[in-house]
């Protein structure tokens, strides 16, 4: 009888150990590509401004899930200027403005 209970315990442990590996860590950081969207999933002419990091030393924007600085290229466009709420792109001879927030929610004091 003792041997039977050992086999049952071993079988139960192996089943429980297998299910532990299937769990995901809830504290694991989110993959930026899946959260913001993959830059390759959009057409070359579709740019989505998702974030702007601005400090006295540098300005970085996240467009289509890709971090860019002034002068960098994203697809066929070049990043001309990064401001606090918008980014200017130059693509095929035309200037495009990507706004971080729609004009409808901007409120001036």
Protein backbone atom coordinates (compact mmCIF):
# COMPACT_ATOMS: atom_id res chain seq x y z
CA UNK A 1 0.00 0.00 0.00
CA UNK A 2 2.86 2.36 0.74
CA UNK A 3 4.23 1.90 -2.78
CA UNK A 4 0.84 2.71 -4.31
CA UNK A 5 0.57 5.98 -2.42
CA UNK A 6 4.11 6.93 -3.50
CA UNK A 7 3.22 6.34 -7.16
CA UNK A 8 -0.01 8.33 -6.79
CA UNK A 9 1.85 11.19 -5.11
CA UNK A 10 4.51 11.18 -7.83
CA UNK A 11 1.86 11.22 -10.55
CA UNK A 12 -0.01 14.07 -8.85
CA UNK A 13 3.22 16.06 -8.45
CA UNK A 14 4.15 15.65 -12.12
CA UNK A 15 0.71 16.86 -13.22
CA UNK A 16 0.88 19.90 -10.92
CA UNK A 17 4.44 20.72 -11.97
CA UNK A 18 3.42 20.66 -15.64
CA UNK A 19 0.58 23.11 -15.05
CA UNK A 20 2.88 25.53 -13.18
CA UNK A 21 4.97 26.01 -16.33
CA UNK A 22 1.86 27.04 -18.24
CA UNK A 23 1.24 30.03 -15.95
CA UNK A 24 2.49 33.46 -17.01
CA UNK A 25 4.17 35.95 -14.74
CA UNK A 26 1.72 38.83 -14.08
CA UNK A 27 4.61 41.17 -13.19
CA UNK A 28 6.41 40.62 -16.47
CA UNK A 29 6.66 43.87 -18.51
CA UNK A 30 4.43 44.14 -21.54
CA UNK A 31 5.97 43.59 -24.94
CA UNK A 32 5.94 47.06 -26.58
CA UNK A 33 5.27 45.59 -30.00
CA UNK A 34 2.09 43.89 -28.89
CA UNK A 35 0.98 46.80 -26.72
CA UNK A 36 1.63 49.68 -29.11
CA UNK A 37 1.28 47.75 -32.34
CA UNK A 38 3.93 46.44 -34.66
CA UNK A 39 5.49 49.07 -36.95
CA UNK A 40 5.37 46.59 -39.84
CA UNK A 41 1.61 46.07 -39.51
CA UNK A 42 0.78 49.53 -40.87
CA UNK A 43 1.04 50.74 -44.42
CA UNK A 44 4.08 52.87 -45.18
CA UNK A 45 1.94 56.02 -45.34
CA UNK A 46 0.16 55.43 -42.01
CA UNK A 47 1.99 56.86 -39.01
CA UNK A 48 0.61 56.84 -35.48
CA UNK A 49 2.21 59.04 -32.83
CA UNK A 50 1.96 57.16 -29.56
CA UNK A 51 4.29 58.94 -27.15
CA UNK A 52 6.73 61.82 -26.77
CA UNK A 53 9.58 61.94 -24.24
CA UNK A 54 10.85 65.48 -23.85
CA UNK A 55 13.71 66.72 -21.67
CA UNK A 56 16.27 69.53 -21.99
CA UNK A 57 18.84 66.99 -23.25
CA UNK A 58 16.76 65.01 -25.76
CA UNK A 59 13.41 64.49 -27.45
CA UNK A 60 12.19 61.04 -28.44
CA UNK A 61 8.91 60.08 -30.09
CA UNK A 62 7.29 56.67 -30.45
CA UNK A 63 5.73 56.30 -33.89
CA UNK A 64 4.16 52.95 -34.85
CA UNK A 65 5.93 51.34 -31.89
CA UNK A 66 9.39 52.58 -32.99
CA UNK A 67 11.45 55.10 -31.01
CA UNK A 68 12.76 57.92 -33.20
CA UNK A 69 14.72 61.15 -32.74
CA UNK A 70 14.94 64.22 -34.91
CA UNK A 71 16.68 63.29 -38.15
CA UNK A 72 15.77 59.59 -37.96
CA UNK A 73 13.82 57.85 -40.71
CA UNK A 74 10.67 55.81 -40.26
CA UNK A 75 9.54 54.15 -43.46
CA UNK A 76 9.74 56.70 -46.24
CA UNK A 77 9.56 59.69 -43.86
CA UNK A 78 12.20 61.66 -42.00
CA UNK A 79 11.53 63.09 -38.54
CA UNK A 80 12.03 66.84 -38.91
CA UNK A 81 11.00 68.14 -35.48
CA UNK A 82 9.68 66.74 -32.20
CA UNK A 83 7.61 69.15 -30.08
CA UNK A 84 5.73 68.67 -26.81
CA UNK A 85 2.45 67.60 -28.44
CA UNK A 86 3.26 66.90 -32.09
CA UNK A 87 5.90 65.63 -34.51
CA UNK A 88 6.71 66.96 -37.98
CA UNK A 89 7.58 64.42 -40.67
CA UNK A 90 8.84 65.03 -44.20
CA UNK A 91 7.70 62.37 -46.65
CA UNK A 92 8.15 62.58 -50.41
CA UNK A 93 8.40 66.35 -50.43
CA UNK A 94 5.43 67.06 -48.16
CA UNK A 95 5.33 67.92 -44.47
CA UNK A 96 3.04 65.92 -42.20
CA UNK A 97 2.09 66.77 -38.62
CA UNK A 98 1.32 63.94 -36.20
CA UNK A 99 -0.57 65.13 -33.11
CA UNK A 100 -0.27 63.34 -29.81
CA UNK A 101 -3.69 64.53 -28.68
CA UNK A 102 -6.66 65.47 -30.86
CA UNK A 103 -7.51 69.18 -30.90
CA UNK A 104 -10.89 68.41 -29.34
CA UNK A 105 -9.41 67.58 -25.94
CA UNK A 106 -6.89 70.41 -25.77
CA UNK A 107 -8.01 73.11 -23.38
CA UNK A 108 -6.10 76.33 -22.88
CA UNK A 109 -6.38 77.89 -19.41
